[in-house]
Amino acid sequence: MRVKVRVKPGSKRVKVEKVGDTLVVSVRSPAREGKANAELTEVLAEYYGVPKSRVRIVRGHRSRDKVVEIEED
């Protein structure tokens, strides 16, 4: 499945909210050197209950708005 995601890096706490058809994910990591993307992958893996290897950013690596693919069983 593919999910639209808006990332909020540098947040005080990690949280996932559904706003319309988009997930708004707050992560603690800064938007530098791929740190926020790595944490986003971990957070979404936990949220959907899948291994991190099944979560992949398809579009928007350098943007706050991303498309993420999650492989389900």
C-alpha atoms as a PDB file:
ATOM      1  CA  MET A   1       0.000   0.000   0.000  1.00  0.00           C
ATOM      2  CA  ARG A   2       1.130   3.569  -0.570  1.00  0.00           C
ATOM      3  CA  VAL A   3       0.555   6.297   1.992  1.00  0.00           C
ATOM      4  CA  LYS A   4       0.890  10.083   1.769  1.00  0.00           C
ATOM      5  CA  VAL A   5       2.987  11.348   4.673  1.00  0.00           C
ATOM      6  CA  ARG A   6       3.838  14.825   5.953  1.00  0.00           C
ATOM      7  CA  VAL A   7       6.861  14.800   8.254  1.00  0.00           C
ATOM      8  CA  LYS A   8       7.495  17.260  11.080  1.00  0.00           C
ATOM      9  CA  PRO A   9      11.178  16.859  12.010  1.00  0.00           C
ATOM     10  CA  GLY A  10      12.663  18.194  15.233  1.00  0.00           C
ATOM     11  CA  SER A  11       9.479  17.689  17.261  1.00  0.00           C
ATOM     12  CA  LYS A  12       9.438  17.331  21.040  1.00  0.00           C
ATOM     13  CA  ARG A  13       7.711  13.957  20.825  1.00  0.00           C
ATOM     14  CA  VAL A  14       6.960  11.271  18.277  1.00  0.00           C
ATOM     15  CA  LYS A  15       3.356  10.956  17.144  1.00  0.00           C
ATOM     16  CA  VAL A  16       1.269   9.868  14.173  1.00  0.00           C
ATOM     17  CA  GLU A  17      -1.973  11.624  13.243  1.00  0.00           C
ATOM     18  CA  LYS A  18      -4.375  10.980  10.392  1.00  0.00           C
ATOM     19  CA  VAL A  19      -5.463  14.196   8.654  1.00  0.00           C
ATOM     20  CA  GLY A  20      -7.717  13.448   5.717  1.00  0.00           C
ATOM     21  CA  ASP A  21      -5.871  10.980   3.490  1.00  0.00           C
ATOM     22  CA  THR A  22      -2.450  11.993   4.865  1.00  0.00           C
ATOM     23  CA  LEU A  23      -0.515  10.777   7.879  1.00  0.00           C
ATOM     24  CA  VAL A  24       1.200  13.585   9.775  1.00  0.00           C
ATOM     25  CA  VAL A  25       4.231  12.105  11.529  1.00  0.00           C
ATOM     26  CA  SER A  26       6.214  14.086  14.099  1.00  0.00           C
ATOM     27  CA  VAL A  27       9.761  12.813  14.655  1.00  0.00           C
ATOM     28  CA  ARG A  28      12.494  13.990  17.017  1.00  0.00           C
ATOM     29  CA  SER A  29      15.359  13.725  14.535  1.00  0.00           C
ATOM     30  CA  PRO A  30      16.487  16.767  12.541  1.00  0.00           C
ATOM     31  CA  ALA A  31      15.985  16.950   8.783  1.00  0.00           C
ATOM     32  CA  ARG A  32      19.698  16.440   8.133  1.00  0.00           C
ATOM     33  CA  GLU A  33      21.732  13.574   6.710  1.00  0.00           C
ATOM     34  CA  GLY A  34      18.665  11.351   6.347  1.00  0.00           C
ATOM     35  CA  LYS A  35      18.085  11.140  10.109  1.00  0.00           C
ATOM     36  CA  ALA A  36      14.419  12.179   9.960  1.00  0.00           C
ATOM     37  CA  ASN A  37      13.784   9.739   7.098  1.00  0.00           C
ATOM     38  CA  ALA A  38      15.366   6.888   9.067  1.00  0.00           C
ATOM     39  CA  GLU A  39      13.247   7.669  12.123  1.00  0.00           C
ATOM     40  CA  LEU A  40      10.144   8.011   9.928  1.00  0.00           C
ATOM     41  CA  THR A  41      10.735   4.498   8.601  1.00  0.00           C
ATOM     42  CA  GLU A  42      11.008   3.141  12.157  1.00  0.00           C
ATOM     43  CA  VAL A  43       7.883   4.959  13.348  1.00  0.00           C
ATOM     44  CA  LEU A  44       5.763   3.793  10.399  1.00  0.00           C
ATOM     45  CA  ALA A  45       7.012   0.212  10.758  1.00  0.00           C
ATOM     46  CA  GLU A  46       5.862   0.218  14.381  1.00  0.00           C
ATOM     47  CA  TYR A  47       2.571   1.965  13.515  1.00  0.00           C
ATOM     48  CA  TYR A  48       1.686  -0.638  10.864  1.00  0.00           C
ATOM     49  CA  GLY A  49       3.242  -3.584  12.733  1.00  0.00           C
ATOM     50  CA  VAL A  50       5.682  -4.563  10.000  1.00  0.00           C
ATOM     51  CA  PRO A  51       9.501  -4.882   9.911  1.00  0.00           C
ATOM     52  CA  LYS A  52      11.463  -1.745   8.929  1.00  0.00           C
ATOM     53  CA  SER A  53      12.621  -3.531   5.791  1.00  0.00           C
ATOM     54  CA  ARG A  54       9.018  -3.399   4.498  1.00  0.00           C
ATOM     55  CA  VAL A  55       8.764   0.391   4.699  1.00  0.00           C
ATOM     56  CA  ARG A  56      10.247   2.381   1.819  1.00  0.00           C
ATOM     57  CA  ILE A  57      10.121   6.053   0.887  1.00  0.00           C
ATOM     58  CA  VAL A  58       9.077   6.156  -2.762  1.00  0.00           C
ATOM     59  CA  ARG A  59       8.933   9.919  -3.355  1.00  0.00           C
ATOM     60  CA  GLY A  60       9.967  13.025  -1.443  1.00  0.00           C
ATOM     61  CA  HIS A  61      13.296  12.050   0.125  1.00  0.00           C
ATOM     62  CA  ARG A  62      14.224  15.730   0.554  1.00  0.00           C
ATOM     63  CA  SER A  63      10.727  17.062   1.173  1.00  0.00           C
ATOM     64  CA  ARG A  64       8.363  17.110   4.135  1.00  0.00           C
ATOM     65  CA  ASP A  65       5.660  15.646   1.891  1.00  0.00           C
ATOM     66  CA  LYS A  66       6.425  12.049   0.987  1.00  0.00           C
ATOM     67  CA  VAL A  67       4.893   8.927  -0.477  1.00  0.00           C
ATOM     68  CA  VAL A  68       5.777   5.819   1.502  1.00  0.00           C
ATOM     69  CA  GLU A  69       5.216   2.232   0.396  1.00  0.00           C
ATOM     70  CA  ILE A  70       4.434  -0.364   3.050  1.00  0.00           C
ATOM     71  CA  GLU A  71       4.552  -4.045   2.150  1.00  0.00           C
ATOM     72  CA  GLU A  72       1.856  -5.989   3.935  1.00  0.00           C
ATOM     73  CA  ASP A  73       1.494  -9.740   4.335  1.00  0.00           C
END
